[in-house]
């Protein structure tokens, strides 16, 4: 009986060692293919929040700014708008206003727009890497090209979502100005 237990323990140890040896290590996190590998791993494991550190800095700031502007607009609508004017705006602003941080704001936007689904369908191992200064392109086994830019902290950030997120930030800023102007009018009318 003891020999069966020892044999089972030996088999488990061999399986553990074999699986550890078969793992292909990621390229370092401060390389474009390392950043891409971490994005792919996070998506495959269902951890979309973990993509955020591997976005371009401008995309990160835009996500944070959108969340902050929507949260401020939401609070102002609740405080100053008449009851009958609130419902539609609250429904529109609530999802982003209730996100915890920039990471959540990015994930909510990426899910809503289908970005995560598109990435999941298209992710494959890196085939080649082209680096030119602070810009790089990871070409996947499927031939898809993902652009990256080196951030100030040395980590490479995917640029794929930056333009859309910056446009969202600009719209959220304009919307906040409109909400504040209307709220000021409502506050004056009440007095």
N, C-alpha and C. Protein backbone atom coordinates (compact mmCIF):
# COMPACT_ATOMS: atom_id res chain seq x y z
N UNK A 1 0.81 -1.19 0.00
CA UNK A 1 0.00 0.00 0.00
C UNK A 1 0.86 1.26 0.00
N UNK A 2 1.96 1.25 0.81
CA UNK A 2 2.84 2.40 0.88
C UNK A 2 3.56 2.63 -0.46
N UNK A 3 3.89 1.54 -1.12
CA UNK A 3 4.58 1.69 -2.39
C UNK A 3 3.67 2.31 -3.43
N UNK A 4 2.35 2.06 -3.36
CA UNK A 4 1.40 2.69 -4.29
C UNK A 4 1.32 4.19 -4.03
N UNK A 5 1.33 4.55 -2.76
CA UNK A 5 1.28 5.95 -2.40
C UNK A 5 2.56 6.67 -2.85
N UNK A 6 3.70 6.00 -2.67
CA UNK A 6 4.98 6.57 -3.10
C UNK A 6 5.03 6.70 -4.61
N UNK A 7 4.50 5.71 -5.32
CA UNK A 7 4.46 5.74 -6.77
C UNK A 7 3.56 6.88 -7.27
N UNK A 8 2.43 7.06 -6.62
CA UNK A 8 1.52 8.14 -6.99
C UNK A 8 2.18 9.51 -6.75
N UNK A 9 2.88 9.66 -5.64
CA UNK A 9 3.57 10.90 -5.34
C UNK A 9 4.67 11.17 -6.37
N UNK A 10 5.38 10.13 -6.77
CA UNK A 10 6.43 10.26 -7.77
C UNK A 10 5.82 10.67 -9.12
N UNK A 11 4.70 10.06 -9.47
CA UNK A 11 4.03 10.40 -10.73
C UNK A 11 3.58 11.86 -10.73
N UNK A 12 3.02 12.32 -9.63
CA UNK A 12 2.60 13.72 -9.52
C UNK A 12 3.79 14.66 -9.64
N UNK A 13 4.89 14.30 -8.99
CA UNK A 13 6.10 15.13 -9.06
C UNK A 13 6.61 15.21 -10.49
N UNK A 14 6.62 14.08 -11.21
CA UNK A 14 7.07 14.08 -12.59
C UNK A 14 6.16 14.90 -13.50
N UNK A 15 4.86 14.82 -13.26
CA UNK A 15 3.91 15.62 -14.04
C UNK A 15 4.16 17.10 -13.78
N UNK A 16 4.35 17.46 -12.52
CA UNK A 16 4.61 18.86 -12.16
C UNK A 16 5.88 19.36 -12.85
N UNK A 17 6.94 18.58 -12.78
CA UNK A 17 8.21 18.97 -13.40
C UNK A 17 8.06 19.09 -14.91
N UNK A 18 7.37 18.16 -15.54
CA UNK A 18 7.18 18.19 -16.99
C UNK A 18 6.39 19.42 -17.42
N UNK A 19 5.33 19.76 -16.70
CA UNK A 19 4.54 20.93 -17.09
C UNK A 19 5.33 22.21 -16.88
N UNK A 20 6.15 22.29 -15.85
CA UNK A 20 6.98 23.47 -15.63
C UNK A 20 8.01 23.63 -16.75
N UNK A 21 8.55 22.51 -17.22
CA UNK A 21 9.57 22.57 -18.27
C UNK A 21 8.96 22.91 -19.63
N UNK A 22 7.67 22.57 -19.84
CA UNK A 22 7.04 22.82 -21.13
C UNK A 22 6.56 24.26 -21.26
N UNK A 23 6.45 24.99 -20.18
CA UNK A 23 6.00 26.38 -20.25
C UNK A 23 7.03 27.21 -20.99
N UNK A 24 6.53 28.01 -21.91
CA UNK A 24 7.40 28.93 -22.62
C UNK A 24 7.38 30.26 -21.86
N UNK A 25 8.52 30.72 -21.41
CA UNK A 25 8.51 31.97 -20.65
C UNK A 25 8.17 33.16 -21.55
N UNK A 26 7.55 34.16 -20.95
CA UNK A 26 7.25 35.39 -21.68
C UNK A 26 8.53 36.16 -21.91
N UNK A 27 8.49 36.94 -22.97
CA UNK A 27 9.55 37.92 -23.14
C UNK A 27 9.39 38.92 -21.99
N UNK A 28 10.43 39.64 -21.64
CA UNK A 28 10.32 40.60 -20.53
C UNK A 28 9.19 41.60 -20.77
N UNK A 29 8.61 42.10 -19.67
CA UNK A 29 7.49 43.02 -19.75
C UNK A 29 7.84 44.36 -20.38
N UNK A 30 9.11 44.68 -20.45
CA UNK A 30 9.49 45.96 -21.05
C UNK A 30 9.89 45.80 -22.52
N UNK A 31 9.35 44.76 -23.17
CA UNK A 31 9.53 44.58 -24.61
C UNK A 31 8.15 44.54 -25.25
N UNK A 32 8.04 44.93 -26.52
CA UNK A 32 6.72 44.91 -27.17
C UNK A 32 6.09 43.52 -27.21
N UNK A 33 6.89 42.49 -27.52
CA UNK A 33 6.33 41.14 -27.56
C UNK A 33 5.99 40.63 -26.17
N UNK A 34 6.69 41.12 -25.15
CA UNK A 34 6.34 40.78 -23.77
C UNK A 34 5.02 41.41 -23.38
N UNK A 35 4.82 42.67 -23.76
CA UNK A 35 3.55 43.35 -23.48
C UNK A 35 2.41 42.64 -24.21
N UNK A 36 2.64 42.29 -25.47
CA UNK A 36 1.62 41.58 -26.25
C UNK A 36 1.29 40.23 -25.60
N UNK A 37 2.31 39.51 -25.17
CA UNK A 37 2.10 38.21 -24.53
C UNK A 37 1.27 38.33 -23.27
N UNK A 38 1.51 39.37 -22.50
CA UNK A 38 0.74 39.57 -21.27
C UNK A 38 -0.72 39.95 -21.58
N UNK A 39 -0.93 40.72 -22.64
CA UNK A 39 -2.30 41.04 -23.06
C UNK A 39 -3.02 39.76 -23.47
N UNK A 40 -2.35 38.95 -24.28
CA UNK A 40 -2.96 37.70 -24.75
C UNK A 40 -3.28 36.77 -23.57
N UNK A 41 -2.35 36.66 -22.65
CA UNK A 41 -2.56 35.79 -21.48
C UNK A 41 -3.73 36.30 -20.64
N UNK A 42 -3.77 37.60 -20.39
CA UNK A 42 -4.86 38.18 -19.59
C UNK A 42 -6.21 37.93 -20.23
N UNK A 43 -6.29 38.12 -21.54
CA UNK A 43 -7.55 37.89 -22.23
C UNK A 43 -7.95 36.43 -22.21
N UNK A 44 -6.99 35.55 -22.43
CA UNK A 44 -7.31 34.12 -22.47
C UNK A 44 -7.76 33.61 -21.11
N UNK A 45 -7.31 34.25 -20.05
CA UNK A 45 -7.70 33.85 -18.69
C UNK A 45 -8.90 34.62 -18.17
N UNK A 46 -9.44 35.54 -19.00
CA UNK A 46 -10.62 36.31 -18.60
C UNK A 46 -10.33 37.44 -17.63
N UNK A 47 -9.12 37.96 -17.65
CA UNK A 47 -8.74 39.05 -16.74
C UNK A 47 -8.49 40.33 -17.54
N UNK A 48 -9.56 40.89 -18.07
CA UNK A 48 -9.44 42.06 -18.95
C UNK A 48 -8.83 43.27 -18.25
N UNK A 49 -9.03 43.41 -16.95
CA UNK A 49 -8.43 44.55 -16.22
C UNK A 49 -6.90 44.56 -16.33
N UNK A 50 -6.32 43.38 -16.47
CA UNK A 50 -4.86 43.28 -16.50
C UNK A 50 -4.26 43.79 -17.82
N UNK A 51 -5.11 44.14 -18.77
CA UNK A 51 -4.62 44.71 -20.03
C UNK A 51 -4.21 46.16 -19.82
N UNK A 52 -4.88 46.84 -18.92
CA UNK A 52 -4.72 48.29 -18.74
C UNK A 52 -3.26 48.74 -18.63
N UNK A 53 -2.39 48.08 -17.86
CA UNK A 53 -1.00 48.53 -17.78
C UNK A 53 -0.25 48.45 -19.11
N UNK A 54 -0.80 47.72 -20.06
CA UNK A 54 -0.13 47.55 -21.36
C UNK A 54 -0.81 48.35 -22.45
N UNK A 55 -1.54 49.40 -22.05
CA UNK A 55 -2.08 50.37 -23.00
C UNK A 55 -1.15 51.57 -23.03
N UNK A 56 -1.19 52.28 -24.12
CA UNK A 56 -0.43 53.52 -24.24
C UNK A 56 -0.87 54.49 -23.14
N UNK A 57 0.04 55.30 -22.63
CA UNK A 57 -0.26 56.22 -21.54
C UNK A 57 -1.45 57.12 -21.86
N UNK A 58 -1.51 57.64 -23.06
CA UNK A 58 -2.61 58.54 -23.45
C UNK A 58 -3.96 57.82 -23.37
N UNK A 59 -3.98 56.55 -23.71
CA UNK A 59 -5.22 55.76 -23.62
C UNK A 59 -5.60 55.56 -22.15
N UNK A 60 -4.62 55.34 -21.30
CA UNK A 60 -4.90 55.18 -19.87
C UNK A 60 -5.49 56.46 -19.30
N UNK A 61 -4.84 57.59 -19.60
CA UNK A 61 -5.33 58.87 -19.07
C UNK A 61 -6.71 59.19 -19.62
N UNK A 62 -6.95 58.86 -20.86
CA UNK A 62 -8.26 59.12 -21.45
C UNK A 62 -9.34 58.32 -20.74
N UNK A 63 -9.06 57.06 -20.44
CA UNK A 63 -10.04 56.22 -19.71
C UNK A 63 -10.35 56.80 -18.34
N UNK A 64 -9.32 57.24 -17.65
CA UNK A 64 -9.50 57.84 -16.32
C UNK A 64 -10.30 59.13 -16.43
N UNK A 65 -9.98 59.95 -17.42
CA UNK A 65 -10.67 61.23 -17.60
C UNK A 65 -12.13 61.05 -17.96
N UNK A 66 -12.43 60.07 -18.80
CA UNK A 66 -13.83 59.79 -19.15
C UNK A 66 -14.60 59.41 -17.90
N UNK A 67 -14.04 58.52 -17.13
CA UNK A 67 -14.70 58.09 -15.90
C UNK A 67 -14.93 59.28 -14.96
N UNK A 68 -13.91 60.12 -14.78
CA UNK A 68 -14.04 61.28 -13.88
C UNK A 68 -15.09 62.26 -14.38
N UNK A 69 -15.10 62.54 -15.67
CA UNK A 69 -16.08 63.49 -16.23
C UNK A 69 -17.49 62.94 -16.11
N UNK A 70 -17.67 61.66 -16.40
CA UNK A 70 -19.01 61.06 -16.29
C UNK A 70 -19.48 61.02 -14.83
N UNK A 71 -18.56 60.75 -13.92
CA UNK A 71 -18.91 60.72 -12.50
C UNK A 71 -19.32 62.12 -12.03
N UNK A 72 -18.58 63.15 -12.45
CA UNK A 72 -18.91 64.52 -12.07
C UNK A 72 -20.26 64.94 -12.67
N UNK A 73 -20.50 64.58 -13.91
CA UNK A 73 -21.78 64.91 -14.55
C UNK A 73 -22.93 64.20 -13.84
N UNK A 74 -22.73 62.95 -13.50
CA UNK A 74 -23.74 62.16 -12.80
C UNK A 74 -24.11 62.82 -11.46
N UNK A 75 -23.09 63.20 -10.71
CA UNK A 75 -23.32 63.84 -9.41
C UNK A 75 -24.05 65.17 -9.57
N UNK A 76 -23.68 65.93 -10.59
CA UNK A 76 -24.31 67.24 -10.81
C UNK A 76 -25.76 67.09 -11.24
N UNK A 77 -26.04 66.10 -12.07
CA UNK A 77 -27.42 65.85 -12.49
C UNK A 77 -28.26 65.47 -11.27
N UNK A 78 -27.76 64.60 -10.43
CA UNK A 78 -28.49 64.20 -9.23
C UNK A 78 -28.76 65.38 -8.30
N UNK A 79 -27.79 66.27 -8.20
CA UNK A 79 -27.90 67.39 -7.27
C UNK A 79 -28.80 68.51 -7.80
N UNK A 80 -28.69 68.83 -9.08
CA UNK A 80 -29.28 70.07 -9.56
C UNK A 80 -30.44 69.92 -10.54
N UNK A 81 -30.53 68.81 -11.22
CA UNK A 81 -31.57 68.68 -12.24
C UNK A 81 -32.92 68.39 -11.58
N UNK A 82 -34.00 68.92 -12.16
CA UNK A 82 -35.33 68.57 -11.65
C UNK A 82 -35.60 67.09 -11.87
N UNK A 83 -36.42 66.54 -11.02
CA UNK A 83 -36.72 65.10 -11.04
C UNK A 83 -37.11 64.61 -12.44
N UNK A 84 -37.97 65.35 -13.13
CA UNK A 84 -38.46 64.90 -14.43
C UNK A 84 -37.41 64.99 -15.54
N UNK A 85 -36.32 65.69 -15.30
CA UNK A 85 -35.25 65.82 -16.31
C UNK A 85 -34.10 64.82 -16.08
N UNK A 86 -34.10 64.14 -14.97
CA UNK A 86 -32.96 63.30 -14.58
C UNK A 86 -32.90 61.94 -15.27
N UNK A 87 -34.01 61.28 -15.41
CA UNK A 87 -34.03 59.84 -15.73
C UNK A 87 -33.15 59.46 -16.91
N UNK A 88 -33.32 60.11 -18.02
CA UNK A 88 -32.56 59.72 -19.22
C UNK A 88 -31.07 59.93 -19.03
N UNK A 89 -30.70 61.08 -18.46
CA UNK A 89 -29.27 61.36 -18.25
C UNK A 89 -28.65 60.41 -17.24
N UNK A 90 -29.37 60.13 -16.18
CA UNK A 90 -28.85 59.21 -15.15
C UNK A 90 -28.61 57.83 -15.76
N UNK A 91 -29.55 57.37 -16.55
CA UNK A 91 -29.39 56.04 -17.19
C UNK A 91 -28.18 56.02 -18.11
N UNK A 92 -27.93 57.12 -18.79
CA UNK A 92 -26.78 57.20 -19.71
C UNK A 92 -25.45 57.31 -18.96
N UNK A 93 -25.43 58.08 -17.89
CA UNK A 93 -24.19 58.35 -17.17
C UNK A 93 -23.82 57.29 -16.14
N UNK A 94 -24.79 56.62 -15.58
CA UNK A 94 -24.56 55.70 -14.45
C UNK A 94 -23.50 54.62 -14.73
N UNK A 95 -23.57 53.90 -15.85
CA UNK A 95 -22.60 52.81 -16.02
C UNK A 95 -21.15 53.26 -15.89
N UNK A 96 -20.79 54.37 -16.51
CA UNK A 96 -19.40 54.82 -16.43
C UNK A 96 -19.12 55.50 -15.09
N UNK A 97 -20.11 56.22 -14.55
CA UNK A 97 -19.92 56.92 -13.28
C UNK A 97 -19.68 55.94 -12.13
N UNK A 98 -20.21 54.74 -12.24
CA UNK A 98 -20.08 53.76 -11.17
C UNK A 98 -18.87 52.84 -11.32
N UNK A 99 -18.06 53.05 -12.34
CA UNK A 99 -16.84 52.25 -12.45
C UNK A 99 -15.88 52.66 -11.34
N UNK A 100 -15.05 51.72 -10.94
CA UNK A 100 -14.15 51.96 -9.81
C UNK A 100 -12.98 52.87 -10.15
N UNK A 101 -12.44 52.70 -11.36
CA UNK A 101 -11.22 53.41 -11.73
C UNK A 101 -11.05 53.37 -13.24
N UNK A 102 -9.90 53.83 -13.71
CA UNK A 102 -9.63 53.86 -15.14
C UNK A 102 -9.62 52.47 -15.76
N UNK A 103 -9.15 51.49 -15.02
CA UNK A 103 -9.13 50.11 -15.54
C UNK A 103 -10.55 49.63 -15.80
N UNK A 104 -11.43 49.85 -14.84
CA UNK A 104 -12.83 49.45 -15.03
C UNK A 104 -13.48 50.22 -16.17
N UNK A 105 -13.17 51.51 -16.26
CA UNK A 105 -13.73 52.32 -17.34
C UNK A 105 -13.28 51.78 -18.69
N UNK A 106 -11.99 51.42 -18.80
CA UNK A 106 -11.51 50.85 -20.05
C UNK A 106 -12.22 49.54 -20.37
N UNK A 107 -12.34 48.66 -19.39
CA UNK A 107 -12.98 47.36 -19.61
C UNK A 107 -14.43 47.54 -20.05
N UNK A 108 -15.15 48.45 -19.38
CA UNK A 108 -16.55 48.70 -19.74
C UNK A 108 -16.65 49.19 -21.19
N UNK A 109 -15.79 50.13 -21.57
CA UNK A 109 -15.78 50.64 -22.93
C UNK A 109 -15.41 49.54 -23.92
N UNK A 110 -14.38 48.77 -23.59
CA UNK A 110 -13.91 47.71 -24.49
C UNK A 110 -14.97 46.62 -24.67
N UNK A 111 -15.69 46.29 -23.60
CA UNK A 111 -16.77 45.30 -23.71
C UNK A 111 -17.92 45.83 -24.55
N UNK A 112 -18.31 47.08 -24.28
CA UNK A 112 -19.43 47.69 -24.98
C UNK A 112 -19.17 47.78 -26.48
N UNK A 113 -17.95 48.10 -26.84
CA UNK A 113 -17.61 48.28 -28.27
C UNK A 113 -17.12 47.00 -28.95
N UNK A 114 -17.03 45.93 -28.22
CA UNK A 114 -16.60 44.67 -28.81
C UNK A 114 -15.10 44.54 -29.02
N UNK A 115 -14.33 45.42 -28.41
CA UNK A 115 -12.87 45.37 -28.58
C UNK A 115 -12.28 44.11 -28.00
N UNK A 116 -12.75 43.69 -26.84
CA UNK A 116 -12.19 42.50 -26.20
C UNK A 116 -12.52 41.26 -27.02
N UNK A 117 -13.74 41.17 -27.51
CA UNK A 117 -14.13 40.02 -28.33
C UNK A 117 -13.28 39.96 -29.60
N UNK A 118 -13.05 41.12 -30.20
CA UNK A 118 -12.23 41.17 -31.42
C UNK A 118 -10.80 40.74 -31.12
N UNK A 119 -10.25 41.21 -30.02
CA UNK A 119 -8.89 40.81 -29.65
C UNK A 119 -8.82 39.30 -29.38
N UNK A 120 -9.81 38.78 -28.65
CA UNK A 120 -9.81 37.34 -28.33
C UNK A 120 -9.82 36.50 -29.60
N UNK A 121 -10.62 36.89 -30.58
CA UNK A 121 -10.71 36.13 -31.83
C UNK A 121 -9.41 36.15 -32.60
N UNK A 122 -8.66 37.23 -32.46
CA UNK A 122 -7.52 37.44 -33.32
C UNK A 122 -6.17 37.16 -32.67
N UNK A 123 -6.14 36.94 -31.37
CA UNK A 123 -4.85 36.75 -30.71
C UNK A 123 -4.20 35.44 -31.12
N UNK A 124 -2.94 35.53 -31.43
CA UNK A 124 -2.13 34.35 -31.72
C UNK A 124 -0.70 34.71 -31.33
N UNK A 125 0.17 33.76 -31.37
CA UNK A 125 1.54 34.01 -30.95
C UNK A 125 2.25 35.00 -31.86
N UNK A 126 3.20 35.74 -31.31
CA UNK A 126 3.95 36.69 -32.14
C UNK A 126 4.85 35.96 -33.13
N UNK A 127 4.82 36.40 -34.38
CA UNK A 127 5.65 35.82 -35.42
C UNK A 127 6.91 36.66 -35.62
N UNK A 128 6.72 37.99 -35.60
CA UNK A 128 7.88 38.86 -35.77
C UNK A 128 7.65 40.17 -35.03
N UNK A 129 8.73 40.91 -34.91
CA UNK A 129 8.70 42.16 -34.16
C UNK A 129 9.50 43.19 -34.95
N UNK A 130 8.89 44.36 -35.14
CA UNK A 130 9.57 45.46 -35.82
C UNK A 130 9.64 46.63 -34.85
N UNK A 131 10.86 47.09 -34.55
CA UNK A 131 11.03 48.20 -33.62
C UNK A 131 11.72 49.35 -34.35
N UNK A 132 11.16 50.55 -34.17
CA UNK A 132 11.74 51.75 -34.74
C UNK A 132 11.65 52.85 -33.69
N UNK A 133 12.72 53.06 -32.94
CA UNK A 133 12.73 54.05 -31.88
C UNK A 133 11.75 53.68 -30.77
N UNK A 134 10.81 54.59 -30.50
CA UNK A 134 9.83 54.35 -29.45
C UNK A 134 8.54 53.72 -29.96
N UNK A 135 8.57 53.26 -31.19
CA UNK A 135 7.40 52.60 -31.77
C UNK A 135 7.78 51.18 -32.17
N UNK A 136 6.79 50.31 -32.08
CA UNK A 136 7.04 48.91 -32.44
C UNK A 136 5.75 48.30 -32.98
N UNK A 137 5.92 47.26 -33.78
CA UNK A 137 4.79 46.51 -34.30
C UNK A 137 5.05 45.03 -34.04
N UNK A 138 4.07 44.39 -33.40
CA UNK A 138 4.11 42.95 -33.21
C UNK A 138 3.25 42.35 -34.32
N UNK A 139 3.83 41.47 -35.10
CA UNK A 139 3.09 40.77 -36.16
C UNK A 139 2.82 39.37 -35.64
N UNK A 140 1.54 38.99 -35.63
CA UNK A 140 1.16 37.70 -35.07
C UNK A 140 1.26 36.59 -36.12
N UNK A 141 1.11 35.36 -35.66
CA UNK A 141 1.13 34.20 -36.55
C UNK A 141 0.01 34.28 -37.58
N UNK A 142 -1.07 34.98 -37.25
CA UNK A 142 -2.19 35.15 -38.19
C UNK A 142 -1.98 36.34 -39.12
N UNK A 143 -0.89 37.07 -38.92
CA UNK A 143 -0.60 38.20 -39.79
C UNK A 143 -1.15 39.53 -39.30
N UNK A 144 -1.78 39.55 -38.16
CA UNK A 144 -2.30 40.80 -37.61
C UNK A 144 -1.15 41.62 -37.05
N UNK A 145 -1.24 42.92 -37.25
CA UNK A 145 -0.20 43.83 -36.79
C UNK A 145 -0.75 44.66 -35.62
N UNK A 146 -0.07 44.63 -34.50
CA UNK A 146 -0.44 45.42 -33.33
C UNK A 146 0.65 46.44 -33.07
N UNK A 147 0.27 47.72 -33.03
CA UNK A 147 1.22 48.81 -32.80
C UNK A 147 1.37 49.07 -31.31
N UNK A 148 2.60 49.35 -30.91
CA UNK A 148 2.93 49.67 -29.53
C UNK A 148 3.81 50.92 -29.51
N UNK A 149 3.77 51.62 -28.40
CA UNK A 149 4.63 52.78 -28.19
C UNK A 149 5.26 52.63 -26.81
N UNK A 150 6.56 52.95 -26.74
CA UNK A 150 7.26 52.86 -25.45
C UNK A 150 6.78 54.00 -24.55
N UNK A 151 6.37 53.63 -23.34
CA UNK A 151 5.91 54.62 -22.37
C UNK A 151 7.09 55.14 -21.56
N UNK A 152 6.87 56.20 -20.81
CA UNK A 152 7.94 56.80 -20.01
C UNK A 152 8.55 55.84 -18.99
N UNK A 153 7.74 54.87 -18.53
CA UNK A 153 8.24 53.92 -17.54
C UNK A 153 8.94 52.72 -18.18
N UNK A 154 9.08 52.72 -19.51
CA UNK A 154 9.79 51.66 -20.21
C UNK A 154 8.90 50.53 -20.70
N UNK A 155 7.67 50.45 -20.19
CA UNK A 155 6.74 49.41 -20.64
C UNK A 155 6.14 49.86 -21.97
N UNK A 156 5.94 48.91 -22.85
CA UNK A 156 5.34 49.21 -24.14
C UNK A 156 3.82 49.16 -24.03
N UNK A 157 3.15 50.15 -24.61
CA UNK A 157 1.70 50.23 -24.53
C UNK A 157 1.06 50.09 -25.90
N UNK A 158 0.03 49.26 -25.97
CA UNK A 158 -0.71 49.06 -27.23
C UNK A 158 -1.44 50.36 -27.58
N UNK A 159 -1.37 50.75 -28.85
CA UNK A 159 -1.96 52.02 -29.30
C UNK A 159 -3.32 51.85 -29.96
N UNK A 160 -3.78 50.63 -30.07
CA UNK A 160 -4.99 50.31 -30.83
C UNK A 160 -6.24 51.09 -30.42
N UNK A 161 -6.37 51.42 -29.15
CA UNK A 161 -7.59 52.04 -28.64
C UNK A 161 -7.44 53.53 -28.36
N UNK A 162 -6.25 54.06 -28.51
CA UNK A 162 -5.96 55.42 -28.08
C UNK A 162 -6.85 56.47 -28.75
N UNK A 163 -6.97 56.44 -30.05
CA UNK A 163 -7.74 57.48 -30.76
C UNK A 163 -9.20 57.49 -30.30
N UNK A 164 -9.80 56.33 -30.18
CA UNK A 164 -11.20 56.26 -29.75
C UNK A 164 -11.36 56.74 -28.32
N UNK A 165 -10.43 56.37 -27.44
CA UNK A 165 -10.53 56.79 -26.04
C UNK A 165 -10.30 58.29 -25.89
N UNK A 166 -9.39 58.86 -26.66
CA UNK A 166 -9.17 60.30 -26.62
C UNK A 166 -10.42 61.04 -27.12
N UNK A 167 -11.04 60.53 -28.17
CA UNK A 167 -12.30 61.13 -28.65
C UNK A 167 -13.39 61.03 -27.58
N UNK A 168 -13.45 59.91 -26.87
CA UNK A 168 -14.41 59.75 -25.77
C UNK A 168 -14.14 60.78 -24.67
N UNK A 169 -12.87 61.01 -24.38
CA UNK A 169 -12.51 61.99 -23.34
C UNK A 169 -12.98 63.38 -23.74
N UNK A 170 -12.75 63.74 -24.99
CA UNK A 170 -13.16 65.06 -25.47
C UNK A 170 -14.68 65.21 -25.40
N UNK A 171 -15.41 64.17 -25.78
CA UNK A 171 -16.87 64.21 -25.72
C UNK A 171 -17.35 64.29 -24.28
N UNK A 172 -16.76 63.51 -23.40
CA UNK A 172 -17.15 63.53 -21.99
C UNK A 172 -16.90 64.90 -21.37
N UNK A 173 -15.81 65.56 -21.76
CA UNK A 173 -15.50 66.90 -21.26
C UNK A 173 -16.53 67.91 -21.75
N UNK A 174 -16.87 67.83 -23.04
CA UNK A 174 -17.90 68.73 -23.58
C UNK A 174 -19.25 68.47 -22.91
N UNK A 175 -19.60 67.20 -22.75
CA UNK A 175 -20.87 66.86 -22.11
C UNK A 175 -20.93 67.38 -20.68
N UNK A 176 -19.84 67.30 -19.96
CA UNK A 176 -19.80 67.80 -18.58
C UNK A 176 -20.04 69.31 -18.56
N UNK A 177 -19.46 70.02 -19.50
CA UNK A 177 -19.67 71.48 -19.57
C UNK A 177 -21.15 71.80 -19.81
N UNK A 178 -21.80 71.03 -20.69
CA UNK A 178 -23.23 71.24 -20.96
C UNK A 178 -24.06 70.93 -19.73
N UNK A 179 -23.75 69.82 -19.07
CA UNK A 179 -24.48 69.44 -17.85
C UNK A 179 -24.31 70.51 -16.78
N UNK A 180 -23.10 71.01 -16.60
CA UNK A 180 -22.85 72.04 -15.58
C UNK A 180 -23.59 73.33 -15.90
N UNK A 181 -23.60 73.73 -17.17
CA UNK A 181 -24.31 74.95 -17.56
C UNK A 181 -25.81 74.81 -17.29
N UNK A 182 -26.38 73.67 -17.65
CA UNK A 182 -27.81 73.45 -17.41
C UNK A 182 -28.09 73.38 -15.91
N UNK A 183 -27.20 72.74 -15.16
CA UNK A 183 -27.38 72.63 -13.71
C UNK A 183 -27.32 74.01 -13.06
N UNK A 184 -26.41 74.86 -13.53
CA UNK A 184 -26.35 76.23 -13.01
C UNK A 184 -27.67 76.96 -13.27
N UNK A 185 -28.22 76.78 -14.47
CA UNK A 185 -29.52 77.39 -14.79
C UNK A 185 -30.61 76.87 -13.86
N UNK A 186 -30.65 75.57 -13.64
CA UNK A 186 -31.66 74.99 -12.76
C UNK A 186 -31.50 75.51 -11.33
N UNK A 187 -30.24 75.64 -10.87
CA UNK A 187 -30.00 76.14 -9.52
C UNK A 187 -30.46 77.60 -9.39
N UNK A 188 -30.17 78.42 -10.40
CA UNK A 188 -30.61 79.82 -10.37
C UNK A 188 -32.13 79.92 -10.39
N UNK A 189 -32.78 79.11 -11.19
CA UNK A 189 -34.24 79.14 -11.29
C UNK A 189 -34.90 78.75 -9.97
N UNK A 190 -34.29 77.84 -9.24
CA UNK A 190 -34.82 77.41 -7.95
C UNK A 190 -34.74 78.51 -6.91
N UNK A 191 -33.72 79.34 -7.00
CA UNK A 191 -33.52 80.41 -6.02
C UNK A 191 -34.41 81.56 -6.37
